Amino acid sequence: MPKFMKVATTDELEDQQAKLVEVEGQKIALFRVGEAFYALSDTCTHRGGPLSEGTVEGAEVTCPWHGARFDIKSGAVLGPPAGREVRSYSVRVAGADVEIEV
């Protein structure tokens, strides 16, 4: 059964910043865009690059290995060479806690 787990606090990330978090053995890239938080699988679907180390511009992240671009909000592919989306996770903020549903 899915549950929300605390992975960070709101003051740990600045706007346009990403952070790698691990939840129950899963590597997840946590992003802040303005006041909102989003989470994607940290593994690029092209060759496995770490999206948490990618460049964040607006609501897009660019994989640092080969330049594939993804929508931070949905995980959709925005640019090659990736051919399929990355998994997106539900995120909620409870007070100062950022929680991801796993």
Protein backbone atom coordinates (compact mmCIF):
# COMPACT_ATOMS: atom_id res chain seq x y z
CA MET A 1 0.00 0.00 0.00
CA PRO A 2 1.44 3.41 -0.95
CA LYS A 3 2.49 5.74 1.85
CA PHE A 4 4.09 9.17 2.14
CA MET A 5 7.58 9.33 3.61
CA LYS A 6 9.54 12.40 4.69
CA VAL A 7 12.60 12.96 2.47
CA ALA A 8 13.57 16.59 3.13
CA THR A 9 12.50 19.90 4.59
CA THR A 10 11.42 22.89 2.53
CA ASP A 11 14.56 24.87 3.45
CA GLU A 12 16.92 22.20 2.04
CA LEU A 13 16.26 23.14 -1.60
CA GLU A 14 16.31 26.50 -3.33
CA ASP A 15 14.29 27.33 -6.44
CA GLN A 16 15.62 25.49 -9.53
CA GLN A 17 17.59 23.04 -7.40
CA ALA A 18 17.60 19.22 -7.27
CA LYS A 19 18.57 16.73 -4.59
CA LEU A 20 19.05 12.97 -4.58
CA VAL A 21 17.00 11.17 -1.93
CA GLU A 22 16.68 7.44 -1.30
CA VAL A 23 13.38 5.97 -0.20
CA GLU A 24 13.00 2.24 0.40
CA GLY A 25 15.91 1.46 -1.91
CA GLN A 26 14.73 3.75 -4.70
CA LYS A 27 16.90 6.65 -5.91
CA ILE A 28 14.63 9.64 -6.45
CA ALA A 29 15.45 13.14 -7.73
CA LEU A 30 13.61 15.79 -5.70
CA PHE A 31 13.16 19.18 -7.41
CA ARG A 32 12.00 22.61 -6.30
CA VAL A 33 10.36 24.87 -8.85
CA GLY A 34 9.23 28.10 -7.22
CA GLU A 35 7.36 27.05 -4.08
CA ALA A 36 6.41 23.62 -5.48
CA PHE A 37 8.25 20.31 -5.12
CA TYR A 38 8.35 17.43 -7.61
CA ALA A 39 9.96 13.99 -7.67
CA LEU A 40 11.16 11.77 -10.52
CA SER A 41 13.12 8.57 -10.72
CA ASP A 42 16.77 9.65 -10.57
CA THR A 43 17.69 7.36 -13.46
CA CYS A 44 17.53 8.71 -17.03
CA THR A 45 15.76 6.27 -19.34
CA HIS A 46 18.45 6.70 -22.03
CA ARG A 47 21.61 5.39 -20.32
CA GLY A 48 20.92 5.71 -16.60
CA GLY A 49 22.36 9.17 -15.94
CA PRO A 50 21.62 10.80 -12.54
CA LEU A 51 18.87 13.37 -13.09
CA SER A 52 19.50 14.87 -9.63
CA GLU A 53 22.85 16.08 -11.02
CA GLY A 54 21.26 17.55 -14.16
CA THR A 55 20.67 21.16 -15.09
CA VAL A 56 17.29 22.56 -13.98
CA GLU A 57 15.71 25.33 -16.05
CA GLY A 58 12.12 26.24 -15.33
CA ALA A 59 10.23 22.94 -15.09
CA GLU A 60 12.79 20.98 -17.17
CA VAL A 61 15.78 18.88 -16.16
CA THR A 62 18.57 17.99 -18.58
CA CYS A 63 20.45 14.74 -17.98
CA PRO A 64 24.14 15.47 -17.36
CA TRP A 65 25.33 12.46 -19.40
CA HIS A 66 23.77 12.83 -22.87
CA GLY A 67 21.42 15.81 -22.70
CA ALA A 68 18.00 14.14 -22.65
CA ARG A 69 15.39 16.57 -21.31
CA PHE A 70 12.43 15.75 -19.07
CA ASP A 71 9.41 17.60 -17.68
CA ILE A 72 9.98 17.83 -13.93
CA LYS A 73 6.23 17.88 -13.24
CA SER A 74 5.29 14.74 -15.21
CA GLY A 75 8.47 12.89 -16.19
CA ALA A 76 7.60 13.24 -19.90
CA VAL A 77 10.44 13.28 -22.43
CA LEU A 78 11.00 16.77 -23.86
CA GLY A 79 14.10 16.05 -25.90
CA PRO A 80 16.23 13.15 -27.19
CA PRO A 81 18.07 10.89 -26.84
CA ALA A 82 15.68 9.43 -24.22
CA GLY A 83 12.79 7.58 -25.80
CA ARG A 84 10.51 7.12 -22.82
CA GLU A 85 9.41 9.03 -19.74
CA VAL A 86 10.81 8.63 -16.24
CA ARG A 87 8.62 7.70 -13.30
CA SER A 88 6.99 10.59 -11.46
CA TYR A 89 6.15 10.43 -7.74
CA SER A 90 3.45 12.28 -5.80
CA VAL A 91 4.89 14.90 -3.45
CA ARG A 92 3.23 16.78 -0.62
CA VAL A 93 4.40 19.40 1.84
CA ALA A 94 3.28 19.03 5.45
CA GLY A 95 4.44 22.05 7.42
CA ALA A 96 8.17 22.18 6.66
CA ASP A 97 8.39 18.49 5.68
CA VAL A 98 8.57 17.36 2.06
CA GLU A 99 7.09 13.89 1.63
CA ILE A 100 7.10 11.49 -1.34
CA GLU A 101 4.52 8.78 -1.91
CA VAL A 102 6.13 5.37 -2.38
